[in-house]
Amino acid sequence: MINYETSDYRPENLSIYDLANMEGIFSEPIHYNWFAAHLLRLCRKADTENMKKLAKVFPDIVAAYWIYLYGKIPDAIRDAISNPEYYEYWIPKLMGKVKGR
């Protein structure tokens, strides 16, 4: 947790999405950092072609973005991710969104 009084962190740099979901997306056992937060913001700005480019390099971030917002990875983006089923299985578990709860 960030101590707002003693850090140079500025909450106005984050969107409501970032603030509401950062801890859930960056939960154990994977350790993410603020670079991953920047990638999530970039996903929000990316068009389909640039999202495909991001998905090839950062499939976990792109998968988490789509699964959290829409519950699935769109077909156009799935094609850019190698083994999308892996991410569709694990990302919801990491975020605590296990089906059937």
Protein backbone atom coordinates (compact mmCIF):
# COMPACT_ATOMS: atom_id res chain seq x y z
CA MET A 1 0.00 0.00 0.00
CA ILE A 2 1.26 3.47 -0.82
CA ASN A 3 1.62 6.01 1.96
CA TYR A 4 0.29 9.13 0.27
CA GLU A 5 1.72 11.43 2.93
CA THR A 6 5.35 10.34 2.65
CA SER A 7 5.68 9.48 -1.04
CA ASP A 8 5.86 11.53 -4.20
CA TYR A 9 3.01 9.47 -5.64
CA ARG A 10 0.34 11.60 -7.28
CA PRO A 11 -3.07 9.93 -7.50
CA GLU A 12 -4.13 12.28 -10.30
CA ASN A 13 -1.73 10.36 -12.57
CA LEU A 14 -3.98 7.28 -12.37
CA SER A 15 -7.37 6.67 -13.85
CA ILE A 16 -10.31 5.40 -11.83
CA TYR A 17 -9.67 2.02 -13.47
CA ASP A 18 -6.05 2.04 -12.25
CA LEU A 19 -7.04 2.94 -8.72
CA ALA A 20 -9.85 0.41 -8.50
CA ASN A 21 -8.02 -2.56 -9.98
CA MET A 22 -4.29 -2.19 -9.55
CA GLU A 23 -3.96 -4.44 -6.50
CA GLY A 24 -6.16 -7.14 -7.98
CA ILE A 25 -4.34 -7.30 -11.28
CA PHE A 26 -0.92 -7.23 -9.68
CA SER A 27 -1.61 -9.92 -7.11
CA GLU A 28 0.41 -12.96 -6.15
CA PRO A 29 2.13 -15.01 -7.37
CA ILE A 30 3.24 -12.69 -10.16
CA HIS A 31 5.03 -9.50 -9.13
CA TYR A 32 4.29 -6.55 -11.37
CA ASN A 33 5.52 -2.99 -11.06
CA TRP A 34 4.53 0.47 -12.26
CA PHE A 35 5.74 -0.35 -15.77
CA ALA A 36 2.85 -2.80 -15.94
CA ALA A 37 0.50 -0.03 -14.84
CA HIS A 38 1.77 2.11 -17.71
CA LEU A 39 1.14 -0.79 -20.08
CA LEU A 40 -2.46 -1.04 -18.86
CA ARG A 41 -2.93 2.65 -19.59
CA LEU A 42 -1.41 2.08 -23.01
CA CYS A 43 -3.90 -0.74 -23.64
CA ARG A 44 -6.70 1.70 -22.93
CA LYS A 45 -5.35 4.03 -25.65
CA ALA A 46 -4.39 1.42 -28.25
CA ASP A 47 -6.32 0.71 -31.42
CA THR A 48 -6.68 -2.88 -32.62
CA GLU A 49 -3.43 -3.01 -34.58
CA ASN A 50 -1.36 -1.57 -31.75
CA MET A 51 -3.15 -3.82 -29.26
CA LYS A 52 -2.03 -6.82 -31.33
CA LYS A 53 1.56 -5.57 -31.14
CA LEU A 54 1.29 -5.20 -27.37
CA ALA A 55 -0.26 -8.67 -27.08
CA LYS A 56 2.72 -10.28 -28.81
CA VAL A 57 5.17 -8.82 -26.30
CA PHE A 58 3.03 -8.50 -23.14
CA PRO A 59 0.30 -11.16 -23.47
CA ASP A 60 -0.42 -11.30 -19.73
CA ILE A 61 -1.06 -7.56 -19.47
CA VAL A 62 -3.26 -7.46 -22.57
CA ALA A 63 -5.17 -10.55 -21.48
CA ALA A 64 -5.73 -9.11 -18.00
CA TYR A 65 -6.99 -5.86 -19.52
CA TRP A 66 -9.55 -7.55 -21.76
CA ILE A 67 -10.63 -10.23 -19.30
CA TYR A 68 -11.17 -7.71 -16.53
CA LEU A 69 -13.16 -5.30 -18.67
CA TYR A 70 -15.13 -7.71 -20.88
CA GLY A 71 -14.67 -11.20 -19.46
CA LYS A 72 -12.91 -12.50 -22.57
CA ILE A 73 -10.20 -11.74 -25.07
CA PRO A 74 -11.59 -10.56 -28.43
CA ASP A 75 -10.89 -12.83 -31.39
CA ALA A 76 -8.79 -10.18 -33.14
CA ILE A 77 -6.49 -10.01 -30.10
CA ARG A 78 -6.55 -13.78 -29.39
CA ASP A 79 -4.82 -14.35 -32.72
CA ALA A 80 -1.86 -12.23 -31.57
CA ILE A 81 -1.44 -14.12 -28.27
CA SER A 82 0.26 -17.48 -28.29
CA ASN A 83 -1.74 -19.89 -26.14
CA PRO A 84 -4.59 -17.51 -25.16
CA GLU A 85 -6.32 -20.35 -23.29
CA TYR A 86 -3.53 -20.25 -20.72
CA TYR A 87 -4.26 -16.60 -19.93
CA GLU A 88 -8.02 -17.08 -20.02
CA TYR A 89 -7.61 -19.75 -17.38
CA TRP A 90 -5.07 -18.09 -15.06
CA ILE A 91 -5.81 -14.37 -15.24
CA PRO A 92 -9.32 -14.68 -13.72
CA LYS A 93 -7.91 -16.84 -10.92
CA LEU A 94 -5.17 -14.32 -10.17
CA MET A 95 -7.72 -11.52 -10.09
CA GLY A 96 -10.08 -13.52 -7.87
CA LYS A 97 -12.72 -13.80 -10.59
CA VAL A 98 -13.03 -17.55 -10.60
CA LYS A 99 -16.19 -18.68 -12.37
CA GLY A 100 -18.75 -20.37 -10.22
CA ARG A 101 -18.25 -18.18 -7.16
